[in-house]
């Protein structure tokens, strides 16, 4: 099983950590198919690794179908979703499971990462 570190905007991080956002959307699917954990990097202005969440499933389909599957626990508006996937034929949704918020947020360097990833980085 594999872990990825993924940068997420602070407002969406809070939705994930609270349990309201049950899906994380992306445009690019990792080549590894066995992703089971997502390490959460909260982007500017937080700029810290703040927690982790289990990945129960990765859904890949058209944006319309992915929305229909996930719409009740998105943590974002339909307008934001449509704008994100504008002119895209595929959408990726990570179905999120058990969440763990770190008591003490970490610096990327503590995980051996010396840059802010644009989409994700493998941790194993």
PDB file of N, CA and C in Angstrom:
ATOM      1  N   UNK A   1       0.836  -1.182   0.000  1.00  0.00           N
ATOM      2  CA  UNK A   1       0.000   0.000   0.000  1.00  0.00           C
ATOM      3  C   UNK A   1       0.881   1.246   0.000  1.00  0.00           C
ATOM      4  N   UNK A   2       0.373   2.319  -0.575  1.00  0.00           N
ATOM      5  CA  UNK A   2       1.161   3.532  -0.758  1.00  0.00           C
ATOM      6  C   UNK A   2       0.511   4.736  -0.090  1.00  0.00           C
ATOM      7  N   UNK A   3       1.388   5.681   0.301  1.00  0.00           N
ATOM      8  CA  UNK A   3       0.947   6.950   0.867  1.00  0.00           C
ATOM      9  C   UNK A   3       1.353   8.060  -0.085  1.00  0.00           C
ATOM     10  N   UNK A   4       0.494   9.081  -0.162  1.00  0.00           N
ATOM     11  CA  UNK A   4       0.852  10.280  -0.900  1.00  0.00           C
ATOM     12  C   UNK A   4       0.673  11.489   0.004  1.00  0.00           C
ATOM     13  N   UNK A   5       1.503  12.494  -0.228  1.00  0.00           N
ATOM     14  CA  UNK A   5       1.322  13.786   0.403  1.00  0.00           C
ATOM     15  C   UNK A   5       0.654  14.671  -0.626  1.00  0.00           C
ATOM     16  N   UNK A   6      -0.392  15.363  -0.222  1.00  0.00           N
ATOM     17  CA  UNK A   6      -1.173  16.132  -1.167  1.00  0.00           C
ATOM     18  C   UNK A   6      -1.426  17.539  -0.617  1.00  0.00           C
ATOM     19  N   UNK A   7      -1.126  18.583  -1.406  1.00  0.00           N
ATOM     20  CA  UNK A   7      -1.394  19.944  -0.951  1.00  0.00           C
ATOM     21  C   UNK A   7      -2.877  20.279  -1.133  1.00  0.00           C
ATOM     22  N   UNK A   8      -3.472  20.858  -0.099  1.00  0.00           N
ATOM     23  CA  UNK A   8      -4.891  21.197  -0.121  1.00  0.00           C
ATOM     24  C   UNK A   8      -5.053  22.587   0.493  1.00  0.00           C
ATOM     25  N   UNK A   9      -5.943  23.394  -0.089  1.00  0.00           N
ATOM     26  CA  UNK A   9      -6.215  24.726   0.445  1.00  0.00           C
ATOM     27  C   UNK A   9      -6.780  24.608   1.860  1.00  0.00           C
ATOM     28  N   UNK A  10      -6.384  25.544   2.752  1.00  0.00           N
ATOM     29  CA  UNK A  10      -6.802  25.459   4.154  1.00  0.00           C
ATOM     30  C   UNK A  10      -8.308  25.316   4.372  1.00  0.00           C
ATOM     31  N   UNK A  11      -9.121  25.997   3.572  1.00  0.00           N
ATOM     32  CA  UNK A  11     -10.578  25.895   3.781  1.00  0.00           C
ATOM     33  C   UNK A  11     -11.087  24.478   3.533  1.00  0.00           C
ATOM     34  N   UNK A  12     -10.464  23.762   2.595  1.00  0.00           N
ATOM     35  CA  UNK A  12     -10.863  22.381   2.326  1.00  0.00           C
ATOM     36  C   UNK A  12     -10.252  21.422   3.347  1.00  0.00           C
ATOM     37  N   UNK A  13      -9.065  21.767   3.847  1.00  0.00           N
ATOM     38  CA  UNK A  13      -8.451  20.965   4.905  1.00  0.00           C
ATOM     39  C   UNK A  13      -9.383  20.919   6.110  1.00  0.00           C
ATOM     40  N   UNK A  14      -9.919  22.065   6.494  1.00  0.00           N
ATOM     41  CA  UNK A  14     -10.823  22.122   7.652  1.00  0.00           C
ATOM     42  C   UNK A  14     -12.063  21.270   7.417  1.00  0.00           C
ATOM     43  N   UNK A  15     -12.573  21.278   6.198  1.00  0.00           N
ATOM     44  CA  UNK A  15     -13.743  20.452   5.865  1.00  0.00           C
ATOM     45  C   UNK A  15     -13.413  18.959   5.985  1.00  0.00           C
ATOM     46  N   UNK A  16     -12.215  18.574   5.565  1.00  0.00           N
ATOM     47  CA  UNK A  16     -11.787  17.170   5.667  1.00  0.00           C
ATOM     48  C   UNK A  16     -11.590  16.784   7.129  1.00  0.00           C
ATOM     49  N   UNK A  17     -10.864  17.611   7.877  1.00  0.00           N
ATOM     50  CA  UNK A  17     -10.572  17.290   9.271  1.00  0.00           C
ATOM     51  C   UNK A  17     -11.837  17.232  10.127  1.00  0.00           C
ATOM     52  N   UNK A  18     -12.849  18.001   9.751  1.00  0.00           N
ATOM     53  CA  UNK A  18     -14.112  17.991  10.492  1.00  0.00           C
ATOM     54  C   UNK A  18     -14.997  16.800  10.114  1.00  0.00           C
ATOM     55  N   UNK A  19     -14.662  16.147   8.994  1.00  0.00           N
ATOM     56  CA  UNK A  19     -15.468  15.020   8.532  1.00  0.00           C
ATOM     57  C   UNK A  19     -16.597  15.403   7.590  1.00  0.00           C
ATOM     58  N   UNK A  20     -16.744  16.690   7.282  1.00  0.00           N
ATOM     59  CA  UNK A  20     -17.810  17.122   6.365  1.00  0.00           C
ATOM     60  C   UNK A  20     -17.471  16.840   4.900  1.00  0.00           C
ATOM     61  N   UNK A  21     -16.199  16.906   4.566  1.00  0.00           N
ATOM     62  CA  UNK A  21     -15.762  16.662   3.180  1.00  0.00           C
ATOM     63  C   UNK A  21     -15.253  15.230   3.106  1.00  0.00           C
ATOM     64  N   UNK A  22     -15.978  14.386   2.392  1.00  0.00           N
ATOM     65  CA  UNK A  22     -15.660  12.954   2.327  1.00  0.00           C
ATOM     66  C   UNK A  22     -14.957  12.562   1.023  1.00  0.00           C
ATOM     67  N   UNK A  23     -14.765  13.534   0.120  1.00  0.00           N
ATOM     68  CA  UNK A  23     -14.093  13.277  -1.155  1.00  0.00           C
ATOM     69  C   UNK A  23     -13.113  14.399  -1.439  1.00  0.00           C
ATOM     70  N   UNK A  24     -11.963  14.021  -1.952  1.00  0.00           N
ATOM     71  CA  UNK A  24     -10.978  14.996  -2.417  1.00  0.00           C
ATOM     72  C   UNK A  24     -10.837  14.807  -3.916  1.00  0.00           C
ATOM     73  N   UNK A  25     -10.979  15.900  -4.653  1.00  0.00           N
ATOM     74  CA  UNK A  25     -10.978  15.846  -6.118  1.00  0.00           C
ATOM     75  C   UNK A  25      -9.622  16.227  -6.686  1.00  0.00           C
ATOM     76  N   UNK A  26      -9.268  15.548  -7.752  1.00  0.00           N
ATOM     77  CA  UNK A  26      -8.022  15.825  -8.458  1.00  0.00           C
ATOM     78  C   UNK A  26      -8.225  15.618  -9.950  1.00  0.00           C
ATOM     79  N   UNK A  27      -7.312  16.207 -10.726  1.00  0.00           N
ATOM     80  CA  UNK A  27      -7.345  16.044 -12.179  1.00  0.00           C
ATOM     81  C   UNK A  27      -6.404  14.937 -12.640  1.00  0.00           C
ATOM     82  N   UNK A  28      -5.413  14.620 -11.807  1.00  0.00           N
ATOM     83  CA  UNK A  28      -4.396  13.630 -12.164  1.00  0.00           C
ATOM     84  C   UNK A  28      -4.449  12.471 -11.185  1.00  0.00           C
ATOM     85  N   UNK A  29      -4.480  11.256 -11.721  1.00  0.00           N
ATOM     86  CA  UNK A  29      -4.457  10.066 -10.874  1.00  0.00           C
ATOM     87  C   UNK A  29      -3.020   9.561 -10.763  1.00  0.00           C
ATOM     88  N   UNK A  30      -2.586   9.210  -9.548  1.00  0.00           N
ATOM     89  CA  UNK A  30      -1.247   8.642  -9.411  1.00  0.00           C
ATOM     90  C   UNK A  30      -1.106   7.345 -10.208  1.00  0.00           C
ATOM     91  N   UNK A  31       0.090   7.080 -10.673  1.00  0.00           N
ATOM     92  CA  UNK A  31       0.330   5.838 -11.412  1.00  0.00           C
ATOM     93  C   UNK A  31       0.158   4.618 -10.504  1.00  0.00           C
ATOM     94  N   UNK A  32       0.584   4.759  -9.248  1.00  0.00           N
ATOM     95  CA  UNK A  32       0.374   3.672  -8.295  1.00  0.00           C
ATOM     96  C   UNK A  32      -1.123   3.554  -8.011  1.00  0.00           C
ATOM     97  N   UNK A  33      -1.621   2.336  -8.043  1.00  0.00           N
ATOM     98  CA  UNK A  33      -3.060   2.115  -7.859  1.00  0.00           C
ATOM     99  C   UNK A  33      -3.437   1.767  -6.424  1.00  0.00           C
ATOM    100  N   UNK A  34      -2.445   1.564  -5.573  1.00  0.00           N
ATOM    101  CA  UNK A  34      -2.726   1.056  -4.227  1.00  0.00           C
ATOM    102  C   UNK A  34      -2.613   2.145  -3.151  1.00  0.00           C
ATOM    103  N   UNK A  35      -3.040   3.364  -3.460  1.00  0.00           N
ATOM    104  CA  UNK A  35      -2.985   4.458  -2.498  1.00  0.00           C
ATOM    105  C   UNK A  35      -3.997   4.174  -1.385  1.00  0.00           C
ATOM    106  N   UNK A  36      -3.504   4.124  -0.144  1.00  0.00           N
ATOM    107  CA  UNK A  36      -4.416   3.874   0.966  1.00  0.00           C
ATOM    108  C   UNK A  36      -4.379   4.967   2.034  1.00  0.00           C
ATOM    109  N   UNK A  37      -3.452   5.926   1.881  1.00  0.00           N
ATOM    110  CA  UNK A  37      -3.379   7.004   2.863  1.00  0.00           C
ATOM    111  C   UNK A  37      -2.923   8.284   2.184  1.00  0.00           C
ATOM    112  N   UNK A  38      -3.550   9.388   2.611  1.00  0.00           N
ATOM    113  CA  UNK A  38      -3.226  10.706   2.099  1.00  0.00           C
ATOM    114  C   UNK A  38      -2.727  11.547   3.275  1.00  0.00           C
ATOM    115  N   UNK A  39      -1.515  12.058   3.150  1.00  0.00           N
ATOM    116  CA  UNK A  39      -0.963  12.967   4.140  1.00  0.00           C
ATOM    117  C   UNK A  39      -1.319  14.378   3.668  1.00  0.00           C
ATOM    118  N   UNK A  40      -1.887  15.171   4.558  1.00  0.00           N
ATOM    119  CA  UNK A  40      -2.468  16.466   4.174  1.00  0.00           C
ATOM    120  C   UNK A  40      -1.504  17.614   4.476  1.00  0.00           C
ATOM    121  N   UNK A  41      -1.114  18.308   3.406  1.00  0.00           N
ATOM    122  CA  UNK A  41      -0.325  19.537   3.528  1.00  0.00           C
ATOM    123  C   UNK A  41      -1.272  20.710   3.292  1.00  0.00           C
ATOM    124  N   UNK A  42      -1.463  21.524   4.308  1.00  0.00           N
ATOM    125  CA  UNK A  42      -2.310  22.706   4.190  1.00  0.00           C
ATOM    126  C   UNK A  42      -1.476  23.834   3.574  1.00  0.00           C
ATOM    127  N   UNK A  43      -1.931  24.334   2.436  1.00  0.00           N
ATOM    128  CA  UNK A  43      -1.160  25.330   1.685  1.00  0.00           C
ATOM    129  C   UNK A  43      -1.218  26.705   2.358  1.00  0.00           C
ATOM    130  N   UNK A  44      -0.670  27.696   1.682  1.00  0.00           N
ATOM    131  CA  UNK A  44      -0.582  29.071   2.181  1.00  0.00           C
ATOM    132  C   UNK A  44      -1.927  29.544   2.712  1.00  0.00           C
ATOM    133  N   UNK A  45      -2.004  30.149   3.853  1.00  0.00           N
ATOM    134  CA  UNK A  45      -0.906  30.660   4.668  1.00  0.00           C
ATOM    135  C   UNK A  45      -0.417  29.683   5.758  1.00  0.00           C
ATOM    136  N   UNK A  46      -1.056  28.513   5.901  1.00  0.00           N
ATOM    137  CA  UNK A  46      -0.687  27.561   6.961  1.00  0.00           C
ATOM    138  C   UNK A  46       0.684  26.949   6.684  1.00  0.00           C
ATOM    139  N   UNK A  47       0.841  26.355   5.517  1.00  0.00           N
ATOM    140  CA  UNK A  47       2.101  25.777   5.053  1.00  0.00           C
ATOM    141  C   UNK A  47       2.685  24.747   6.019  1.00  0.00           C
ATOM    142  N   UNK A  48       1.833  23.807   6.454  1.00  0.00           N
ATOM    143  CA  UNK A  48       2.237  22.740   7.368  1.00  0.00           C
ATOM    144  C   UNK A  48       1.531  21.438   6.985  1.00  0.00           C
ATOM    145  N   UNK A  49       2.132  20.328   7.377  1.00  0.00           N
ATOM    146  CA  UNK A  49       1.505  19.019   7.262  1.00  0.00           C
ATOM    147  C   UNK A  49       0.661  18.865   8.521  1.00  0.00           C
ATOM    148  N   UNK A  50      -0.658  18.792   8.360  1.00  0.00           N
ATOM    149  CA  UNK A  50      -1.560  18.920   9.502  1.00  0.00           C
ATOM    150  C   UNK A  50      -2.282  17.633   9.899  1.00  0.00           C
ATOM    151  N   UNK A  51      -2.230  16.619   9.044  1.00  0.00           N
ATOM    152  CA  UNK A  51      -2.933  15.389   9.382  1.00  0.00           C
ATOM    153  C   UNK A  51      -2.852  14.376   8.273  1.00  0.00           C
ATOM    154  N   UNK A  52      -3.651  13.326   8.435  1.00  0.00           N
ATOM    155  CA  UNK A  52      -3.702  12.268   7.425  1.00  0.00           C
ATOM    156  C   UNK A  52      -5.102  11.686   7.394  1.00  0.00           C
ATOM    157  N   UNK A  53      -5.400  11.042   6.288  1.00  0.00           N
ATOM    158  CA  UNK A  53      -6.717  10.445   6.109  1.00  0.00           C
ATOM    159  C   UNK A  53      -6.574   9.159   5.291  1.00  0.00           C
ATOM    160  N   UNK A  54      -7.349   8.158   5.663  1.00  0.00           N
ATOM    161  CA  UNK A  54      -7.367   6.913   4.899  1.00  0.00           C
ATOM    162  C   UNK A  54      -8.072   7.147   3.570  1.00  0.00           C
ATOM    163  N   UNK A  55      -7.599   6.481   2.529  1.00  0.00           N
ATOM    164  CA  UNK A  55      -8.254   6.512   1.227  1.00  0.00           C
ATOM    165  C   UNK A  55      -8.942   5.167   1.059  1.00  0.00           C
ATOM    166  N   UNK A  56     -10.267   5.192   1.022  1.00  0.00           N
ATOM    167  CA  UNK A  56     -11.046   3.955   0.919  1.00  0.00           C
ATOM    168  C   UNK A  56     -11.269   3.504  -0.512  1.00  0.00           C
ATOM    169  N   UNK A  57     -11.221   4.465  -1.438  1.00  0.00           N
ATOM    170  CA  UNK A  57     -11.498   4.148  -2.844  1.00  0.00           C
ATOM    171  C   UNK A  57     -11.040   5.322  -3.688  1.00  0.00           C
ATOM    172  N   UNK A  58     -10.671   5.048  -4.930  1.00  0.00           N
ATOM    173  CA  UNK A  58     -10.385   6.109  -5.891  1.00  0.00           C
ATOM    174  C   UNK A  58     -11.362   5.930  -7.045  1.00  0.00           C
ATOM    175  N   UNK A  59     -12.190   6.946  -7.251  1.00  0.00           N
ATOM    176  CA  UNK A  59     -13.206   6.912  -8.302  1.00  0.00           C
ATOM    177  C   UNK A  59     -12.686   7.690  -9.501  1.00  0.00           C
ATOM    178  N   UNK A  60     -12.710   7.075 -10.667  1.00  0.00           N
ATOM    179  CA  UNK A  60     -12.292   7.730 -11.907  1.00  0.00           C
ATOM    180  C   UNK A  60     -13.413   7.557 -12.923  1.00  0.00           C
ATOM    181  N   UNK A  61     -13.933   8.676 -13.410  1.00  0.00           N
ATOM    182  CA  UNK A  61     -15.021   8.631 -14.384  1.00  0.00           C
ATOM    183  C   UNK A  61     -15.161  10.028 -14.984  1.00  0.00           C
ATOM    184  N   UNK A  62     -16.218  10.256 -15.716  1.00  0.00           N
ATOM    185  CA  UNK A  62     -16.460  11.587 -16.253  1.00  0.00           C
ATOM    186  C   UNK A  62     -16.790  12.520 -15.090  1.00  0.00           C
ATOM    187  N   UNK A  63     -16.547  13.810 -15.246  1.00  0.00           N
ATOM    188  CA  UNK A  63     -16.900  14.737 -14.176  1.00  0.00           C
ATOM    189  C   UNK A  63     -18.372  14.642 -13.754  1.00  0.00           C
ATOM    190  N   UNK A  64     -19.257  14.475 -14.704  1.00  0.00           N
ATOM    191  CA  UNK A  64     -20.687  14.381 -14.387  1.00  0.00           C
ATOM    192  C   UNK A  64     -20.987  13.150 -13.523  1.00  0.00           C
ATOM    193  N   UNK A  65     -20.428  12.014 -13.895  1.00  0.00           N
ATOM    194  CA  UNK A  65     -20.682  10.786 -13.129  1.00  0.00           C
ATOM    195  C   UNK A  65     -20.047  10.840 -11.742  1.00  0.00           C
ATOM    196  N   UNK A  66     -18.841  11.388 -11.664  1.00  0.00           N
ATOM    197  CA  UNK A  66     -18.183  11.493 -10.362  1.00  0.00           C
ATOM    198  C   UNK A  66     -19.006  12.405  -9.440  1.00  0.00           C
ATOM    199  N   UNK A  67     -19.508  13.522  -9.971  1.00  0.00           N
ATOM    200  CA  UNK A  67     -20.353  14.408  -9.154  1.00  0.00           C
ATOM    201  C   UNK A  67     -21.595  13.667  -8.665  1.00  0.00           C
ATOM    202  N   UNK A  68     -22.236  12.926  -9.547  1.00  0.00           N
ATOM    203  CA  UNK A  68     -23.452  12.201  -9.170  1.00  0.00           C
ATOM    204  C   UNK A  68     -23.181  11.194  -8.047  1.00  0.00           C
ATOM    205  N   UNK A  69     -22.008  10.596  -8.036  1.00  0.00           N
ATOM    206  CA  UNK A  69     -21.643   9.631  -6.996  1.00  0.00           C
ATOM    207  C   UNK A  69     -21.318  10.340  -5.676  1.00  0.00           C
ATOM    208  N   UNK A  70     -20.695  11.503  -5.754  1.00  0.00           N
ATOM    209  CA  UNK A  70     -20.105  12.135  -4.572  1.00  0.00           C
ATOM    210  C   UNK A  70     -20.843  13.373  -4.062  1.00  0.00           C
ATOM    211  N   UNK A  71     -21.844  13.836  -4.738  1.00  0.00           N
ATOM    212  CA  UNK A  71     -22.420  15.162  -4.490  1.00  0.00           C
ATOM    213  C   UNK A  71     -22.890  15.441  -3.064  1.00  0.00           C
ATOM    214  N   UNK A  72     -23.197  14.432  -2.285  1.00  0.00           N
ATOM    215  CA  UNK A  72     -23.728  14.665  -0.939  1.00  0.00           C
ATOM    216  C   UNK A  72     -22.650  14.917   0.115  1.00  0.00           C
ATOM    217  N   UNK A  73     -21.383  14.690  -0.231  1.00  0.00           N
ATOM    218  CA  UNK A  73     -20.305  14.887   0.742  1.00  0.00           C
ATOM    219  C   UNK A  73     -19.085  15.525   0.091  1.00  0.00           C
ATOM    220  N   UNK A  74     -19.313  16.536  -0.738  1.00  0.00           N
ATOM    221  CA  UNK A  74     -18.221  17.132  -1.505  1.00  0.00           C
ATOM    222  C   UNK A  74     -17.419  18.168  -0.744  1.00  0.00           C
ATOM    223  N   UNK A  75     -18.086  18.953   0.083  1.00  0.00           N
ATOM    224  CA  UNK A  75     -17.411  20.044   0.769  1.00  0.00           C
ATOM    225  C   UNK A  75     -17.165  21.243  -0.134  1.00  0.00           C
ATOM    226  N   UNK A  76     -17.653  21.180  -1.372  1.00  0.00           N
ATOM    227  CA  UNK A  76     -17.522  22.298  -2.310  1.00  0.00           C
ATOM    228  C   UNK A  76     -18.836  22.470  -3.061  1.00  0.00           C
ATOM    229  N   UNK A  77     -18.993  23.603  -3.705  1.00  0.00           N
ATOM    230  CA  UNK A  77     -20.210  23.858  -4.479  1.00  0.00           C
ATOM    231  C   UNK A  77     -20.107  23.204  -5.857  1.00  0.00           C
ATOM    232  N   UNK A  78     -21.245  23.018  -6.476  1.00  0.00           N
ATOM    233  CA  UNK A  78     -21.291  22.469  -7.839  1.00  0.00           C
ATOM    234  C   UNK A  78     -20.586  23.421  -8.799  1.00  0.00           C
ATOM    235  N   UNK A  79     -20.725  24.723  -8.580  1.00  0.00           N
ATOM    236  CA  UNK A  79     -20.080  25.712  -9.442  1.00  0.00           C
ATOM    237  C   UNK A  79     -18.553  25.603  -9.359  1.00  0.00           C
ATOM    238  N   UNK A  80     -18.034  25.451  -8.154  1.00  0.00           N
ATOM    239  CA  UNK A  80     -16.592  25.292  -7.969  1.00  0.00           C
ATOM    240  C   UNK A  80     -16.111  24.009  -8.632  1.00  0.00           C
ATOM    241  N   UNK A  81     -16.869  22.941  -8.452  1.00  0.00           N
ATOM    242  CA  UNK A  81     -16.543  21.652  -9.062  1.00  0.00           C
ATOM    243  C   UNK A  81     -16.520  21.772 -10.582  1.00  0.00           C
ATOM    244  N   UNK A  82     -17.562  22.362 -11.158  1.00  0.00           N
ATOM    245  CA  UNK A  82     -17.631  22.499 -12.620  1.00  0.00           C
ATOM    246  C   UNK A  82     -16.489  23.347 -13.164  1.00  0.00           C
ATOM    247  N   UNK A  83     -16.137  24.380 -12.457  1.00  0.00           N
ATOM    248  CA  UNK A  83     -15.023  25.227 -12.892  1.00  0.00           C
ATOM    249  C   UNK A  83     -13.708  24.454 -12.842  1.00  0.00           C
ATOM    250  N   UNK A  84     -13.513  23.673 -11.800  1.00  0.00           N
ATOM    251  CA  UNK A  84     -12.294  22.877 -11.640  1.00  0.00           C
ATOM    252  C   UNK A  84     -12.121  21.881 -12.792  1.00  0.00           C
ATOM    253  N   UNK A  85     -13.220  21.257 -13.207  1.00  0.00           N
ATOM    254  CA  UNK A  85     -13.149  20.239 -14.257  1.00  0.00           C
ATOM    255  C   UNK A  85     -13.542  20.755 -15.644  1.00  0.00           C
ATOM    256  N   UNK A  86     -13.598  22.047 -15.811  1.00  0.00           N
ATOM    257  CA  UNK A  86     -13.957  22.632 -17.110  1.00  0.00           C
ATOM    258  C   UNK A  86     -13.032  22.093 -18.203  1.00  0.00           C
ATOM    259  N   UNK A  87     -13.630  21.600 -19.270  1.00  0.00           N
ATOM    260  CA  UNK A  87     -12.928  21.040 -20.435  1.00  0.00           C
ATOM    261  C   UNK A  87     -12.134  19.770 -20.126  1.00  0.00           C
ATOM    262  N   UNK A  88     -12.435  19.098 -19.037  1.00  0.00           N
ATOM    263  CA  UNK A  88     -11.775  17.833 -18.693  1.00  0.00           C
ATOM    264  C   UNK A  88     -12.727  16.680 -18.967  1.00  0.00           C
ATOM    265  N   UNK A  89     -12.181  15.567 -19.461  1.00  0.00           N
ATOM    266  CA  UNK A  89     -13.017  14.393 -19.743  1.00  0.00           C
ATOM    267  C   UNK A  89     -13.053  13.414 -18.580  1.00  0.00           C
ATOM    268  N   UNK A  90     -12.062  13.506 -17.668  1.00  0.00           N
ATOM    269  CA  UNK A  90     -12.015  12.618 -16.509  1.00  0.00           C
ATOM    270  C   UNK A  90     -11.924  13.417 -15.221  1.00  0.00           C
ATOM    271  N   UNK A  91     -12.534  12.853 -14.188  1.00  0.00           N
ATOM    272  CA  UNK A  91     -12.432  13.399 -12.841  1.00  0.00           C
ATOM    273  C   UNK A  91     -11.975  12.277 -11.922  1.00  0.00           C
ATOM    274  N   UNK A  92     -11.193  12.639 -10.917  1.00  0.00           N
ATOM    275  CA  UNK A  92     -10.716  11.672  -9.927  1.00  0.00           C
ATOM    276  C   UNK A  92     -11.222  12.135  -8.571  1.00  0.00           C
ATOM    277  N   UNK A  93     -11.818  11.217  -7.815  1.00  0.00           N
ATOM    278  CA  UNK A  93     -12.280  11.521  -6.463  1.00  0.00           C
ATOM    279  C   UNK A  93     -11.731  10.470  -5.515  1.00  0.00           C
ATOM    280  N   UNK A  94     -11.024  10.926  -4.501  1.00  0.00           N
ATOM    281  CA  UNK A  94     -10.558  10.040  -3.439  1.00  0.00           C
ATOM    282  C   UNK A  94     -11.672   9.975  -2.401  1.00  0.00           C
ATOM    283  N   UNK A  95     -12.184   8.792  -2.140  1.00  0.00           N
ATOM    284  CA  UNK A  95     -13.171   8.618  -1.074  1.00  0.00           C
ATOM    285  C   UNK A  95     -12.400   8.497   0.232  1.00  0.00           C
ATOM    286  N   UNK A  96     -12.650   9.447   1.139  1.00  0.00           N
ATOM    287  CA  UNK A  96     -11.876   9.555   2.351  1.00  0.00           C
ATOM    288  C   UNK A  96     -12.515   8.776   3.495  1.00  0.00           C
ATOM    289  N   UNK A  97     -11.656   8.203   4.332  1.00  0.00           N
ATOM    290  CA  UNK A  97     -12.110   7.440   5.485  1.00  0.00           C
ATOM    291  C   UNK A  97     -11.713   8.116   6.783  1.00  0.00           C
ATOM    292  N   UNK A  98     -11.119   7.341   7.667  1.00  0.00           N
ATOM    293  CA  UNK A  98     -10.747   7.800   9.002  1.00  0.00           C
ATOM    294  C   UNK A  98      -9.701   8.915   8.915  1.00  0.00           C
ATOM    295  N   UNK A  99      -9.972   9.995   9.643  1.00  0.00           N
ATOM    296  CA  UNK A  99      -9.115  11.182   9.639  1.00  0.00           C
ATOM    297  C   UNK A  99      -8.344  11.268  10.952  1.00  0.00           C
ATOM    298  N   UNK A 100      -7.067  11.668  10.834  1.00  0.00           N
ATOM    299  CA  UNK A 100      -6.258  11.902  12.028  1.00  0.00           C
ATOM    300  C   UNK A 100      -5.610  13.277  11.901  1.00  0.00           C
ATOM    301  N   UNK A 101      -5.975  14.175  12.815  1.00  0.00           N
ATOM    302  CA  UNK A 101      -5.360  15.507  12.853  1.00  0.00           C
ATOM    303  C   UNK A 101      -4.138  15.419  13.751  1.00  0.00           C
ATOM    304  N   UNK A 102      -3.005  15.929  13.283  1.00  0.00           N
ATOM    305  CA  UNK A 102      -1.792  15.905  14.079  1.00  0.00           C
ATOM    306  C   UNK A 102      -1.872  16.920  15.217  1.00  0.00           C
ATOM    307  N   UNK A 103      -1.411  16.509  16.396  1.00  0.00           N
ATOM    308  CA  UNK A 103      -1.357  17.425  17.537  1.00  0.00           C
ATOM    309  C   UNK A 103      -0.378  18.554  17.257  1.00  0.00           C
ATOM    310  N   UNK A 104       0.726  18.201  16.615  1.00  0.00           N
ATOM    311  CA  UNK A 104       1.750  19.191  16.267  1.00  0.00           C
ATOM    312  C   UNK A 104       1.990  19.101  14.758  1.00  0.00           C
ATOM    313  N   UNK A 105       1.562  20.118  14.000  1.00  0.00           N
ATOM    314  CA  UNK A 105       1.800  20.109  12.555  1.00  0.00           C
ATOM    315  C   UNK A 105       3.285  19.996  12.233  1.00  0.00           C
ATOM    316  N   UNK A 106       3.575  19.391  11.080  1.00  0.00           N
ATOM    317  CA  UNK A 106       4.954  19.149  10.653  1.00  0.00           C
ATOM    318  C   UNK A 106       5.352  20.072   9.509  1.00  0.00           C
ATOM    319  N   UNK A 107       6.639  20.310   9.419  1.00  0.00           N
ATOM    320  CA  UNK A 107       7.216  20.994   8.252  1.00  0.00           C
ATOM    321  C   UNK A 107       7.438  19.944   7.172  1.00  0.00           C
ATOM    322  N   UNK A 108       7.372  20.347   5.912  1.00  0.00           N
ATOM    323  CA  UNK A 108       7.649  19.409   4.814  1.00  0.00           C
ATOM    324  C   UNK A 108       9.030  18.786   4.968  1.00  0.00           C
ATOM    325  N   UNK A 109      10.000  19.572   5.408  1.00  0.00           N
ATOM    326  CA  UNK A 109      11.377  19.083   5.557  1.00  0.00           C
ATOM    327  C   UNK A 109      11.462  17.905   6.531  1.00  0.00           C
ATOM    328  N   UNK A 110      10.557  17.845   7.502  1.00  0.00           N
ATOM    329  CA  UNK A 110      10.547  16.744   8.463  1.00  0.00           C
ATOM    330  C   UNK A 110      10.175  15.421   7.793  1.00  0.00           C
ATOM    331  N   UNK A 111       9.578  15.515   6.607  1.00  0.00           N
ATOM    332  CA  UNK A 111       9.241  14.324   5.822  1.00  0.00           C
ATOM    333  C   UNK A 111      10.225  14.116   4.677  1.00  0.00           C
ATOM    334  N   UNK A 112      11.299  14.915   4.674  1.00  0.00           N
ATOM    335  CA  UNK A 112      12.316  14.796   3.630  1.00  0.00           C
ATOM    336  C   UNK A 112      11.926  15.457   2.320  1.00  0.00           C
ATOM    337  N   UNK A 113      10.984  16.380   2.366  1.00  0.00           N
ATOM    338  CA  UNK A 113      10.522  17.085   1.161  1.00  0.00           C
ATOM    339  C   UNK A 113      10.977  18.530   1.257  1.00  0.00           C
ATOM    340  N   UNK A 114      11.686  18.989   0.219  1.00  0.00           N
ATOM    341  CA  UNK A 114      12.252  20.334   0.229  1.00  0.00           C
ATOM    342  C   UNK A 114      11.580  21.288  -0.746  1.00  0.00           C
ATOM    343  N   UNK A 115      10.354  20.981  -1.133  1.00  0.00           N
ATOM    344  CA  UNK A 115       9.608  21.824  -2.058  1.00  0.00           C
ATOM    345  C   UNK A 115       8.119  21.594  -1.800  1.00  0.00           C
ATOM    346  N   UNK A 116       7.291  22.490  -2.281  1.00  0.00           N
ATOM    347  CA  UNK A 116       5.844  22.321  -2.154  1.00  0.00           C
ATOM    348  C   UNK A 116       5.347  21.618  -3.416  1.00  0.00           C
ATOM    349  N   UNK A 117       4.816  20.403  -3.286  1.00  0.00           N
ATOM    350  CA  UNK A 117       4.334  19.677  -4.463  1.00  0.00           C
ATOM    351  C   UNK A 117       3.159  20.392  -5.125  1.00  0.00           C
ATOM    352  N   UNK A 118       3.096  20.313  -6.436  1.00  0.00           N
ATOM    353  CA  UNK A 118       1.991  20.928  -7.164  1.00  0.00           C
ATOM    354  C   UNK A 118       0.727  20.065  -7.122  1.00  0.00           C
ATOM    355  N   UNK A 119       0.880  18.741  -7.206  1.00  0.00           N
ATOM    356  CA  UNK A 119      -0.303  17.891  -7.163  1.00  0.00           C
ATOM    357  C   UNK A 119      -0.215  16.840  -6.053  1.00  0.00           C
ATOM    358  N   UNK A 120       0.872  16.087  -6.011  1.00  0.00           N
ATOM    359  CA  UNK A 120       1.092  15.112  -4.940  1.00  0.00           C
ATOM    360  C   UNK A 120       2.526  14.604  -5.022  1.00  0.00           C
ATOM    361  N   UNK A 121       2.952  13.908  -3.972  1.00  0.00           N
ATOM    362  CA  UNK A 121       4.255  13.253  -3.969  1.00  0.00           C
ATOM    363  C   UNK A 121       4.092  11.950  -3.190  1.00  0.00           C
ATOM    364  N   UNK A 122       4.723  10.894  -3.703  1.00  0.00           N
ATOM    365  CA  UNK A 122       4.696   9.601  -3.003  1.00  0.00           C
ATOM    366  C   UNK A 122       5.587   9.669  -1.764  1.00  0.00           C
ATOM    367  N   UNK A 123       5.164   9.016  -0.696  1.00  0.00           N
ATOM    368  CA  UNK A 123       5.962   9.005   0.526  1.00  0.00           C
ATOM    369  C   UNK A 123       6.560   7.630   0.804  1.00  0.00           C
ATOM    370  N   UNK A 124       6.378   6.660  -0.087  1.00  0.00           N
ATOM    371  CA  UNK A 124       7.006   5.340   0.097  1.00  0.00           C
ATOM    372  C   UNK A 124       7.404   4.751  -1.227  1.00  0.00           C
TER     373      UNK A 124
END
